[in-house]
Protein backbone atom coordinates (compact mmCIF):
# COMPACT_ATOMS: atom_id res chain seq x y z
CA MET A 1 19.61 -2.75 5.00
CA THR A 2 19.62 -4.16 1.47
CA VAL A 3 20.67 -7.64 0.41
CA ASP A 4 23.44 -8.46 -2.06
CA TYR A 5 22.10 -11.91 -3.00
CA VAL A 6 18.59 -12.64 -4.22
CA ALA A 7 16.37 -15.53 -5.22
CA VAL A 8 15.07 -14.72 -8.69
CA VAL A 9 11.42 -15.75 -8.91
CA GLY A 10 9.31 -16.97 -11.81
CA PRO A 11 7.36 -19.98 -13.03
CA ASP A 12 10.44 -21.62 -14.61
CA THR A 13 12.93 -20.82 -11.82
CA MET A 14 13.78 -22.68 -8.63
CA TRP A 15 11.48 -20.17 -6.88
CA PRO A 16 8.10 -20.46 -8.69
CA GLY A 17 5.95 -18.69 -6.08
CA ARG A 18 3.62 -20.42 -3.63
CA GLU A 19 4.66 -23.78 -5.03
CA ARG A 20 7.97 -25.35 -3.99
CA VAL A 21 10.59 -27.14 -6.00
CA LYS A 22 12.17 -30.29 -4.64
CA LEU A 23 15.94 -29.93 -4.89
CA PRO A 24 17.45 -32.61 -7.09
CA THR A 25 19.80 -35.11 -5.47
CA GLU A 26 23.46 -35.22 -6.44
CA GLY A 27 23.91 -36.73 -9.88
CA GLU A 28 20.49 -35.63 -11.15
CA SER A 29 20.11 -32.94 -13.77
CA ASN A 30 19.58 -29.31 -12.74
CA GLN A 31 22.73 -29.10 -10.56
CA ASP A 32 24.03 -26.04 -12.49
CA THR A 33 20.79 -24.06 -12.14
CA ILE A 34 21.07 -20.80 -10.20
CA LEU A 35 19.63 -20.94 -6.69
CA LEU A 36 20.85 -17.54 -5.42
CA ILE A 37 22.66 -14.79 -7.31
CA GLU A 38 24.38 -11.52 -6.54
CA MET A 39 22.44 -8.43 -7.62
CA PRO A 40 24.36 -5.20 -8.32
CA ASP A 41 22.78 -2.12 -6.70
CA SER A 42 20.03 -4.15 -5.08
CA ASP A 43 17.18 -2.19 -3.54
CA TYR A 44 15.71 -5.30 -1.90
CA SER A 45 15.50 -5.16 1.88
CA ALA A 46 16.28 -8.18 4.02
CA LEU A 47 13.03 -7.57 5.90
CA GLU A 48 10.57 -7.44 3.01
CA PRO A 49 8.88 -10.37 1.24
CA ARG A 50 9.87 -9.29 -2.26
CA SER A 51 12.20 -10.81 -4.85
CA PRO A 52 13.03 -9.82 -8.43
CA THR A 53 11.42 -11.57 -11.37
CA VAL A 54 13.64 -12.87 -14.16
CA GLU A 55 12.84 -9.82 -16.30
CA LYS A 56 13.60 -7.30 -13.53
CA PHE A 57 16.83 -9.08 -12.67
CA MET A 58 17.94 -9.24 -16.30
CA ALA A 59 17.20 -5.53 -16.79
CA LYS A 60 19.33 -4.75 -13.73
CA ILE A 61 22.41 -6.69 -14.86
CA LYS A 62 22.44 -5.93 -18.60
CA LEU A 63 24.92 -3.32 -19.73
CA PRO A 64 23.47 -0.56 -21.95
CA THR A 65 25.64 -1.86 -24.81
CA GLY A 66 24.03 -5.32 -24.46
CA ARG A 67 27.50 -6.87 -24.30
CA GLY A 68 28.38 -8.29 -20.93
CA ILE A 69 26.84 -7.92 -17.49
CA ARG A 70 27.15 -5.51 -14.58
CA CYS A 71 29.27 -6.92 -11.78
CA ILE A 72 30.18 -5.83 -8.27
CA HIS A 73 33.58 -7.55 -8.24
CA PRO A 74 36.35 -7.54 -10.86
CA LYS A 75 36.09 -11.35 -10.90
CA GLY A 76 32.43 -11.17 -11.97
CA LEU A 77 28.93 -11.82 -10.69
CA ALA A 78 28.76 -14.51 -7.98
CA TYR A 79 26.03 -17.14 -7.76
CA VAL A 80 25.21 -20.37 -5.93
CA THR A 81 24.05 -23.40 -7.88
CA VAL A 82 21.41 -25.92 -6.86
CA GLY A 83 24.30 -28.35 -6.45
CA GLY A 84 25.79 -26.08 -3.75
CA GLU A 85 28.73 -24.69 -5.72
CA VAL A 86 29.73 -21.02 -5.70
CA ARG A 87 30.55 -19.82 -9.22
CA TRP A 88 31.21 -16.55 -11.05
CA PHE A 89 29.97 -15.08 -14.32
CA PRO A 90 32.83 -13.02 -15.80
CA PRO A 91 31.91 -9.44 -16.81
CA ASP A 92 31.95 -10.35 -20.52
CA THR A 93 29.25 -13.05 -20.06
CA ASP A 94 26.37 -12.90 -22.52
CA PRO A 95 23.25 -11.97 -20.47
CA GLU A 96 21.32 -14.79 -22.14
CA THR A 97 23.68 -17.30 -20.49
CA VAL A 98 22.55 -15.98 -17.09
CA ARG A 99 18.90 -16.19 -18.17
CA ARG A 100 19.40 -19.80 -19.33
CA LEU A 101 20.88 -20.84 -15.97
CA LEU A 102 18.02 -19.22 -14.05
CA LYS A 103 15.63 -21.65 -15.75
CA ARG A 104 15.18 -24.99 -14.00
CA ASN A 105 14.94 -28.32 -15.76
CA PRO A 106 11.27 -29.16 -16.52
CA ASP A 107 11.81 -32.60 -14.91
CA CYS A 108 12.36 -30.95 -11.50
CA LYS A 109 9.44 -31.85 -9.24
CA VAL A 110 7.19 -28.90 -8.33
CA ILE A 111 5.24 -29.44 -5.13
CA SER A 112 2.04 -27.56 -4.34
CA ALA A 113 1.95 -25.39 -1.23
CA ASP A 114 -0.65 -27.75 0.29
CA GLU A 115 1.36 -30.95 -0.22
CA LYS A 116 3.67 -32.09 2.58
CA MET A 117 7.31 -32.66 1.79
CA GLU A 118 9.10 -35.74 3.12
CA ILE A 119 11.41 -33.86 5.50
CA ILE A 120 8.48 -31.97 7.04
CA GLU A 121 6.52 -35.17 7.60
CA ARG A 122 9.48 -36.79 9.40
CA TRP A 123 10.01 -33.68 11.50
CA GLY A 124 6.42 -33.84 12.76
CA GLU A 125 6.81 -37.50 13.66
CA GLU A 126 9.93 -36.75 15.78
CA GLU A 127 8.01 -34.13 17.75
CA ASP A 128 5.14 -36.57 18.38
CA SER A 129 7.48 -39.19 19.85
CA ARG A 130 8.82 -36.82 22.55
């Protein structure tokens, strides 16, 4: 079974690899950044630990003419923002607009895989008190 929505990975995305990105709180910058996006003709399985890079994703959605993007729905290509909104790119969207919204704000805090995040620390404390 393949997935229709993917997390696009890369050093400047919300999914940089082993490191994690702390989601910005409401009102902070980065709310429009793409968190998950629909991928036409995805060959990614729900059971495999693999996600497209920005370049692979862009190659998949660009039309051969270079004008517009490939979409599954007549309304466009669906995506979810960091702020939790569901939005659509119309078919005539310039592919570079999609690329720009895949890139997170450099001020977004990147946390190493070894560093604990606040919510995880609190979760451990709740378990200890039982």
